[in-house]
Amino acid sequence: MRGSLTQRHPGSWSLVLDLGYQTDPETGLRKRKQKWVTFRGTKKQAETKLTDLVRDANKGEFVEPTKLTLGEWLTLWLAETVKPARRLNTYIAYNSIVTGHLVPALGTISLQALRPGHLKQYYAERREQLSGATLQLHHAILSNALKSAVRQGLVTRNVASLVDGVPRAQNGREDAKQHCWTIDETRTFLAAAKQAGPQLSALFALALDTGMRKGELCGLKWNDVDLDAGRVTVDRQLLVAGPEPVFGPTKTGAPRGIDLTDETVRLLREHKRQQAELKMRNRQHYRDHGLVFAKEWGELHGQQDALGLPLQGCHLGQREFARVIKAADVRRIKFHGLRHTCATLLLAAGEPVHVVAARLGHKDATITMKVYAHVLPSMQQQAARTIGTLLYGS
């Protein structure tokens, strides 16, 4: 593999790589294959660059220089690789991170000039605002996009794989222990929630009763709820709120049925009655999507908001949920902590792990056991007492 250098004009050079011969598929004739690369700098710098290109070509690592930026590549990768192959909720989540975080911060950097230090600085600057789990997802998106760029011959290496100190999510078990209430805290919170109105009272009761995820609660429709049987079917989740909401399958892709407590059913009945009255009084303006939990007057914060539209998941944690916690004067946990509380209380009371796993919608019980392992020792102690009674009558 050889190369040559030609000056175009002062400070500008053409680096010519001789890549051997290739056969023209139409004529069958062998033609010399060359790559021309424009370089700006001194002659010595051009010679050094040519040496590097020849070395890369000999190692099979040559990539044609491109002006493509990281932002342009991420946008192209989302459209051509992620959207056709991944689930809709995955594409929406990735697109939100790319457009809202990665492109504004890193998008103008040339794809081929990107270095591990750029990513390391990005993570360091955002550790205070974003959780380890969120930054870990950002890194995964960058790594997957750059891996695809390597496969397509746009870059020679995936620089994301070279970053030291990649952000990590908090251990799921520690998160469950930290964001979980005791039975007394839970009862105090539920009492305070009843003062927040029928919708919030029913919403928080259902979350603690079933362990449903936030997106599943926001996507629940009345035709999924059988109040007479005291049962709810979890079959979808809200992916995008707003005037044209987008729904998708649950995280595991499988529906599940959950039996409800009598008190949760009572609260849902009261909420449904109150919601029907709101619809009737505002039938010309209510955007009815059949949702169990939809925007009421107190949830209208933007110009595009309207009665009946889905609740926004972020507001549940930052506004309504925080207000009820303050009113109840209990320890602050994140909204997902209601799911942790449901699981922990059931396991601590001796409910079989596989039953709790089915209620939460885990793919299998090993996930439940891994996240809530801190509860299992007390279950083993109870099991020892039970078998002792059965075997020895004591």
Protein backbone atom coordinates (compact mmCIF):
# COMPACT_ATOMS: atom_id res chain seq x y z
CA MET A 1 0.00 0.00 0.00
CA ARG A 2 1.51 3.31 -1.10
CA GLY A 3 0.68 6.99 -0.95
CA SER A 4 1.69 10.23 -2.62
CA LEU A 5 1.49 13.90 -1.82
CA THR A 6 0.47 16.72 -4.16
CA GLN A 7 0.26 20.40 -3.29
CA ARG A 8 -2.97 22.03 -4.45
CA HIS A 9 -2.11 25.55 -3.31
CA PRO A 10 -0.19 27.03 -0.36
CA GLY A 11 -1.26 25.25 2.84
CA SER A 12 -3.49 22.73 1.05
CA TRP A 13 -2.50 19.21 -0.03
CA SER A 14 -3.99 16.21 -1.75
CA LEU A 15 -3.09 12.95 -0.05
CA VAL A 16 -3.45 10.12 -2.54
CA LEU A 17 -3.71 6.54 -1.29
CA ASP A 18 -3.03 3.79 -3.80
CA LEU A 19 -5.31 0.94 -2.69
CA GLY A 20 -4.39 -1.48 -5.46
CA TYR A 21 -6.69 -2.66 -8.21
CA GLN A 22 -10.38 -3.54 -8.41
CA THR A 23 -12.46 -5.14 -11.16
CA ASP A 24 -15.17 -3.05 -12.79
CA PRO A 25 -18.37 -5.15 -12.50
CA GLU A 26 -19.71 -3.76 -15.80
CA THR A 27 -16.66 -4.02 -18.05
CA GLY A 28 -14.64 -6.70 -16.27
CA LEU A 29 -11.56 -4.53 -16.58
CA ARG A 30 -9.16 -4.01 -13.69
CA LYS A 31 -8.87 -0.40 -12.55
CA ARG A 32 -6.55 1.27 -10.10
CA LYS A 33 -8.35 2.15 -6.85
CA GLN A 34 -7.34 5.40 -5.19
CA LYS A 35 -8.55 7.57 -2.35
CA TRP A 36 -7.97 11.31 -2.43
CA VAL A 37 -7.97 13.14 0.88
CA THR A 38 -7.70 16.91 1.24
CA PHE A 39 -5.44 18.10 4.04
CA ARG A 40 -4.67 21.62 5.23
CA GLY A 41 -1.38 22.39 6.99
CA THR A 42 2.36 22.36 6.44
CA LYS A 43 4.15 19.87 4.20
CA LYS A 44 5.57 18.09 7.23
CA GLN A 45 2.11 17.76 8.79
CA ALA A 46 0.74 16.47 5.46
CA GLU A 47 3.51 13.87 5.24
CA THR A 48 2.76 12.71 8.81
CA LYS A 49 -0.95 12.43 8.01
CA LEU A 50 -0.19 10.48 4.84
CA THR A 51 1.97 8.06 6.81
CA ASP A 52 -0.87 7.52 9.28
CA LEU A 53 -3.37 6.88 6.47
CA VAL A 54 -1.08 4.38 4.74
CA ARG A 55 -0.54 2.56 8.05
CA ASP A 56 -4.31 2.40 8.68
CA ALA A 57 -4.90 1.14 5.13
CA ASN A 58 -2.31 -1.60 5.55
CA LYS A 59 -4.01 -2.67 8.80
CA GLY A 60 -7.44 -2.61 7.16
CA GLU A 61 -8.53 0.29 9.37
CA PHE A 62 -8.69 3.08 6.82
CA VAL A 63 -11.83 5.20 6.96
CA GLU A 64 -12.56 7.93 4.49
CA PRO A 65 -12.52 11.36 6.15
CA THR A 66 -15.98 12.84 6.63
CA LYS A 67 -17.35 16.12 7.93
CA LEU A 68 -20.25 14.27 9.60
CA THR A 69 -20.80 15.50 13.16
CA LEU A 70 -21.78 13.37 16.12
CA GLY A 71 -25.19 15.05 16.19
CA GLU A 72 -25.82 14.27 12.52
CA TRP A 73 -24.76 10.67 13.01
CA LEU A 74 -26.96 10.18 16.10
CA THR A 75 -29.97 11.53 14.19
CA LEU A 76 -29.22 9.26 11.23
CA TRP A 77 -28.65 6.25 13.51
CA LEU A 78 -31.96 6.81 15.30
CA ALA A 79 -33.89 6.99 12.02
CA GLU A 80 -32.18 4.15 10.14
CA THR A 81 -31.17 1.70 12.88
CA VAL A 82 -33.18 2.23 16.06
CA LYS A 83 -36.64 3.15 14.78
CA PRO A 84 -37.07 0.21 12.36
CA ALA A 85 -35.66 -2.43 14.71
CA ARG A 86 -36.57 -1.48 18.28
CA ARG A 87 -39.86 -1.13 20.15
CA LEU A 88 -41.62 2.22 19.88
CA ASN A 89 -41.12 3.10 23.55
CA THR A 90 -37.37 2.41 23.17
CA TYR A 91 -37.13 4.70 20.15
CA ILE A 92 -39.07 7.44 21.94
CA ALA A 93 -36.82 7.23 25.00
CA TYR A 94 -33.64 7.25 22.89
CA ASN A 95 -34.87 10.12 20.74
CA SER A 96 -35.71 12.20 23.82
CA ILE A 97 -32.20 11.72 25.22
CA VAL A 98 -30.47 12.38 21.90
CA THR A 99 -32.42 15.55 21.08
CA GLY A 100 -32.71 16.85 24.64
CA HIS A 101 -29.21 16.11 25.96
CA LEU A 102 -26.60 14.59 23.65
CA VAL A 103 -27.01 16.76 20.55
CA PRO A 104 -27.09 20.11 22.43
CA ALA A 105 -23.95 19.19 24.39
CA LEU A 106 -21.88 17.11 21.94
CA GLY A 107 -23.61 17.40 18.58
CA THR A 108 -21.21 19.86 16.92
CA ILE A 109 -18.11 17.69 17.49
CA SER A 110 -16.88 15.92 14.37
CA LEU A 111 -17.68 12.22 14.56
CA GLN A 112 -14.09 11.33 13.68
CA ALA A 113 -12.67 13.88 16.15
CA LEU A 114 -14.66 12.57 19.12
CA ARG A 115 -12.42 11.47 22.00
CA PRO A 116 -13.06 9.65 25.31
CA GLY A 117 -12.35 12.91 27.12
CA HIS A 118 -15.36 14.58 25.49
CA LEU A 119 -17.68 11.94 26.95
CA LYS A 120 -15.97 11.90 30.33
CA GLN A 121 -16.38 15.68 30.63
CA TYR A 122 -20.05 15.38 29.60
CA TYR A 123 -20.76 12.87 32.40
CA ALA A 124 -18.82 14.88 34.98
CA GLU A 125 -20.77 18.05 34.23
CA ARG A 126 -24.12 16.31 34.64
CA ARG A 127 -23.61 14.13 37.69
CA GLU A 128 -25.34 16.68 39.91
CA GLN A 129 -28.47 16.98 37.75
CA LEU A 130 -28.91 13.42 36.44
CA SER A 131 -28.91 10.09 38.25
CA GLY A 132 -26.33 7.39 37.66
CA ALA A 133 -28.98 5.25 35.96
CA THR A 134 -29.85 8.06 33.52
CA LEU A 135 -26.21 8.76 32.65
CA GLN A 136 -25.61 5.04 32.24
CA LEU A 137 -28.38 5.03 29.63
CA HIS A 138 -26.81 8.05 27.90
CA HIS A 139 -23.52 6.15 27.71
CA ALA A 140 -25.23 3.04 26.36
CA ILE A 141 -26.88 5.07 23.59
CA LEU A 142 -23.56 6.69 22.63
CA SER A 143 -21.77 3.35 22.72
CA ASN A 144 -24.36 1.64 20.51
CA ALA A 145 -24.37 4.52 18.02
CA LEU A 146 -20.57 4.56 17.80
CA LYS A 147 -20.43 0.78 17.47
CA SER A 148 -22.73 1.13 14.46
CA ALA A 149 -20.44 3.87 13.07
CA VAL A 150 -17.47 1.47 13.32
CA ARG A 151 -19.39 -1.23 11.45
CA GLN A 152 -20.21 1.25 8.68
CA GLY A 153 -16.59 2.33 8.34
CA LEU A 154 -17.11 5.89 9.54
CA VAL A 155 -14.69 5.65 12.49
CA THR A 156 -11.94 3.22 13.42
CA ARG A 157 -12.90 2.70 17.06
CA ASN A 158 -15.73 3.08 19.54
CA VAL A 159 -14.38 5.78 21.86
CA ALA A 160 -17.22 5.18 24.35
CA SER A 161 -15.63 1.84 25.20
CA LEU A 162 -12.44 3.69 26.24
CA VAL A 163 -14.05 5.98 28.83
CA ASP A 164 -12.87 5.46 32.41
CA GLY A 165 -15.39 5.74 35.24
CA VAL A 166 -18.56 5.20 33.24
CA PRO A 167 -21.62 6.24 35.31
CA ARG A 168 -23.48 3.36 36.90
CA ALA A 169 -27.03 2.95 38.11
CA GLN A 170 -27.62 2.52 41.80
CA ASN A 171 -27.91 -1.09 42.82
CA GLY A 172 -31.58 -2.08 42.45
CA ARG A 173 -31.62 -3.60 45.92
CA GLU A 174 -30.28 -0.42 47.51
CA ASP A 175 -32.80 1.67 45.59
CA ALA A 176 -35.64 -0.53 46.84
CA LYS A 177 -34.41 -0.22 50.45
CA GLN A 178 -33.98 3.55 50.23
CA HIS A 179 -37.28 4.32 48.49
CA CYS A 180 -39.65 2.21 50.52
CA TRP A 181 -42.07 3.06 53.33
CA THR A 182 -42.94 1.15 56.46
CA ILE A 183 -46.55 0.10 56.99
CA ASP A 184 -47.12 3.07 59.32
CA GLU A 185 -45.71 5.54 56.79
CA THR A 186 -47.84 3.98 54.06
CA ARG A 187 -51.06 4.27 56.05
CA THR A 188 -50.26 7.87 56.99
CA PHE A 189 -49.65 8.71 53.34
CA LEU A 190 -52.90 7.08 52.19
CA ALA A 191 -54.86 9.02 54.80
CA ALA A 192 -53.36 12.28 53.53
CA ALA A 193 -54.04 11.30 49.91
CA LYS A 194 -57.77 11.14 50.63
CA GLN A 195 -57.69 14.86 51.30
CA ALA A 196 -56.16 15.51 47.85
CA GLY A 197 -59.33 14.56 45.95
CA PRO A 198 -60.92 11.40 44.49
CA GLN A 199 -58.50 11.03 41.55
CA LEU A 200 -55.25 11.28 43.50
CA SER A 201 -56.64 9.19 46.33
CA ALA A 202 -57.54 6.40 43.87
CA LEU A 203 -54.28 6.77 41.94
CA PHE A 204 -51.98 6.40 44.93
CA ALA A 205 -54.08 3.62 46.45
CA LEU A 206 -53.95 1.68 43.18
CA ALA A 207 -50.18 2.22 42.90
CA LEU A 208 -49.59 0.83 46.40
CA ASP A 209 -52.16 -1.95 45.98
CA THR A 210 -50.85 -3.27 42.64
CA GLY A 211 -47.24 -2.09 42.33
CA MET A 212 -48.03 -0.81 38.82
CA ARG A 213 -45.40 1.26 37.06
CA LYS A 214 -45.99 4.96 36.52
CA GLY A 215 -46.47 4.58 32.76
CA GLU A 216 -48.94 1.74 33.33
CA LEU A 217 -51.01 3.88 35.70
CA CYS A 218 -51.02 6.78 33.23
CA GLY A 219 -52.06 4.46 30.39
CA LEU A 220 -54.80 2.58 32.25
CA LYS A 221 -58.28 2.79 30.70
CA TRP A 222 -61.67 2.15 32.27
CA ASN A 223 -62.28 -0.81 29.97
CA ASP A 224 -59.29 -2.45 31.69
CA VAL A 225 -61.00 -2.18 35.09
CA ASP A 226 -63.73 -4.54 36.31
CA LEU A 227 -65.01 -2.90 39.49
CA ASP A 228 -67.62 -5.59 40.11
CA ALA A 229 -64.97 -8.33 40.03
CA GLY A 230 -62.41 -6.11 41.78
CA ARG A 231 -59.82 -6.74 39.10
CA VAL A 232 -57.64 -4.67 36.78
CA THR A 233 -55.87 -5.77 33.59
CA VAL A 234 -52.53 -4.09 32.88
CA ASP A 235 -52.18 -4.17 29.11
CA ARG A 236 -50.42 -0.95 28.08
CA GLN A 237 -48.35 1.99 29.21
CA LEU A 238 -48.31 5.65 28.24
CA LEU A 239 -45.30 6.46 26.09
CA VAL A 240 -45.96 10.08 25.12
CA ALA A 241 -48.41 12.45 26.81
CA GLY A 242 -49.92 15.51 25.16
CA PRO A 243 -52.75 16.27 22.71
CA GLU A 244 -51.97 13.12 20.67
CA PRO A 245 -50.96 10.57 23.31
CA VAL A 246 -49.01 7.48 22.30
CA PHE A 247 -49.51 4.17 24.08
CA GLY A 248 -47.45 1.01 23.89
CA PRO A 249 -47.20 -2.46 25.42
CA THR A 250 -46.03 -3.02 28.98
CA LYS A 251 -42.32 -3.32 29.73
CA THR A 252 -42.39 -7.09 29.35
CA GLY A 253 -44.85 -6.96 26.45
CA ALA A 254 -47.32 -9.21 28.28
CA PRO A 255 -50.61 -8.20 29.97
CA ARG A 256 -51.32 -9.22 33.56
CA GLY A 257 -54.41 -9.33 35.73
CA ILE A 258 -54.36 -8.07 39.31
CA ASP A 259 -57.01 -8.48 42.01
CA LEU A 260 -57.74 -5.35 44.04
CA THR A 261 -58.54 -4.69 47.67
CA ASP A 262 -62.08 -3.60 48.56
CA GLU A 263 -60.87 -0.15 49.64
CA THR A 264 -59.10 0.47 46.32
CA VAL A 265 -62.26 -0.57 44.46
CA ARG A 266 -64.30 1.84 46.60
CA LEU A 267 -61.92 4.71 45.84
CA LEU A 268 -61.99 3.90 42.12
CA ARG A 269 -65.80 3.93 42.13
CA GLU A 270 -65.87 7.34 43.79
CA HIS A 271 -63.28 8.68 41.36
CA LYS A 272 -65.20 7.31 38.35
CA ARG A 273 -68.40 8.99 39.57
CA GLN A 274 -66.63 12.31 40.05
CA GLN A 275 -64.89 12.02 36.65
CA ALA A 276 -68.23 11.34 34.93
CA GLU A 277 -69.63 14.53 36.44
CA LEU A 278 -66.60 16.48 35.22
CA LYS A 279 -67.08 15.08 31.71
CA MET A 280 -70.75 16.00 31.71
CA ARG A 281 -70.16 19.56 32.89
CA ASN A 282 -67.42 20.05 30.27
CA ARG A 283 -68.61 17.75 27.48
CA GLN A 284 -67.75 20.32 24.79
CA HIS A 285 -64.11 20.52 25.89
CA TYR A 286 -63.29 17.18 27.52
CA ARG A 287 -60.78 15.14 25.43
CA ASP A 288 -61.99 11.69 26.36
CA HIS A 289 -59.44 8.92 25.79
CA GLY A 290 -61.19 6.56 28.19
CA LEU A 291 -58.39 6.99 30.74
CA VAL A 292 -58.85 6.16 34.39
CA PHE A 293 -56.50 8.96 35.41
CA ALA A 294 -56.73 12.06 33.24
CA LYS A 295 -56.12 15.77 33.57
CA GLU A 296 -58.54 17.72 35.71
CA TRP A 297 -58.61 21.48 36.24
CA GLY A 298 -55.70 21.35 38.68
CA GLU A 299 -53.45 19.56 36.16
CA LEU A 300 -53.78 22.17 33.38
CA HIS A 301 -50.40 23.91 33.37
CA GLY A 302 -49.68 24.58 29.67
CA GLN A 303 -51.42 26.02 26.63
CA GLN A 304 -51.85 22.62 25.04
CA ASP A 305 -53.27 21.04 28.20
CA ALA A 306 -56.92 20.04 28.17
CA LEU A 307 -59.34 18.13 30.37
CA GLY A 308 -59.16 14.40 29.73
CA LEU A 309 -55.61 14.25 28.39
CA PRO A 310 -53.20 11.79 30.06
CA LEU A 311 -51.43 12.76 33.25
CA GLN A 312 -47.74 13.48 32.73
CA GLY A 313 -45.52 11.08 34.60
CA CYS A 314 -42.96 13.71 35.61
CA HIS A 315 -45.65 15.87 37.22
CA LEU A 316 -46.88 12.93 39.30
CA GLY A 317 -43.53 12.86 41.05
CA GLN A 318 -42.66 16.54 41.10
CA ARG A 319 -46.03 18.09 41.90
CA GLU A 320 -48.94 16.00 43.12
CA PHE A 321 -46.94 13.23 44.79
CA ALA A 322 -44.59 15.67 46.51
CA ARG A 323 -47.51 17.73 47.83
CA VAL A 324 -49.21 14.70 49.39
CA ILE A 325 -45.93 13.55 50.96
CA LYS A 326 -45.50 16.99 52.50
CA ALA A 327 -49.06 16.98 53.80
CA ALA A 328 -48.58 13.50 55.28
CA ASP A 329 -45.23 14.50 56.82
CA VAL A 330 -43.62 11.19 55.86
CA ARG A 331 -40.17 10.43 54.51
CA ARG A 332 -39.78 11.53 50.90
CA ILE A 333 -39.37 8.76 48.33
CA LYS A 334 -39.64 8.80 44.56
CA PHE A 335 -42.86 7.72 42.87
CA HIS A 336 -41.34 4.36 41.90
CA GLY A 337 -40.97 3.81 45.65
CA LEU A 338 -44.71 3.05 45.79
CA ARG A 339 -43.95 -0.04 43.69
CA HIS A 340 -41.06 -0.92 46.00
CA THR A 341 -43.33 -0.44 49.03
CA CYS A 342 -46.01 -2.74 47.60
CA ALA A 343 -43.48 -5.52 46.96
CA THR A 344 -41.66 -5.13 50.26
CA LEU A 345 -44.81 -5.15 52.40
CA LEU A 346 -46.17 -8.23 50.63
CA LEU A 347 -42.90 -10.16 50.92
CA ALA A 348 -42.43 -9.17 54.57
CA ALA A 349 -45.95 -10.44 55.28
CA GLY A 350 -44.97 -13.85 53.87
CA GLU A 351 -46.53 -13.64 50.41
CA PRO A 352 -44.80 -16.13 48.03
CA VAL A 353 -42.19 -14.55 45.79
CA HIS A 354 -43.75 -15.84 42.57
CA VAL A 355 -47.09 -14.25 43.50
CA VAL A 356 -45.44 -10.88 44.14
CA ALA A 357 -43.48 -11.21 40.88
CA ALA A 358 -46.70 -11.79 38.94
CA ARG A 359 -48.34 -8.79 40.60
CA LEU A 360 -45.42 -6.52 39.71
CA GLY A 361 -45.16 -7.83 36.15
CA HIS A 362 -41.62 -9.19 36.49
CA LYS A 363 -40.65 -11.68 33.78
CA ASP A 364 -39.68 -14.22 36.41
CA ALA A 365 -39.32 -14.43 40.17
CA THR A 366 -35.52 -14.24 40.09
CA ILE A 367 -35.78 -10.52 39.33
CA THR A 368 -38.01 -10.06 42.37
CA MET A 369 -35.65 -12.05 44.56
CA LYS A 370 -32.65 -10.04 43.36
CA VAL A 371 -34.24 -6.61 43.97
CA TYR A 372 -35.93 -7.47 47.25
CA ALA A 373 -33.38 -9.87 48.69
CA HIS A 374 -33.18 -7.72 51.84
CA VAL A 375 -36.72 -8.84 52.73
CA LEU A 376 -36.11 -12.55 52.22
CA PRO A 377 -34.17 -13.30 55.46
CA SER A 378 -37.27 -12.52 57.54
CA MET A 379 -39.26 -14.87 55.31
CA GLN A 380 -36.73 -17.62 55.96
CA GLN A 381 -37.05 -17.05 59.69
CA GLN A 382 -40.82 -17.35 59.43
CA ALA A 383 -40.40 -20.49 57.31
CA ALA A 384 -38.18 -22.00 60.02
CA ARG A 385 -40.82 -21.29 62.68
CA THR A 386 -43.54 -22.77 60.49
CA ILE A 387 -41.67 -25.98 59.73
CA GLY A 388 -40.73 -26.26 63.40
CA THR A 389 -44.39 -26.12 64.36
CA LEU A 390 -45.31 -28.71 61.75
CA LEU A 391 -42.49 -31.11 62.63
CA TYR A 392 -42.28 -30.78 66.39
CA GLY A 393 -45.46 -29.04 67.42
CA SER A 394 -43.50 -26.12 68.89
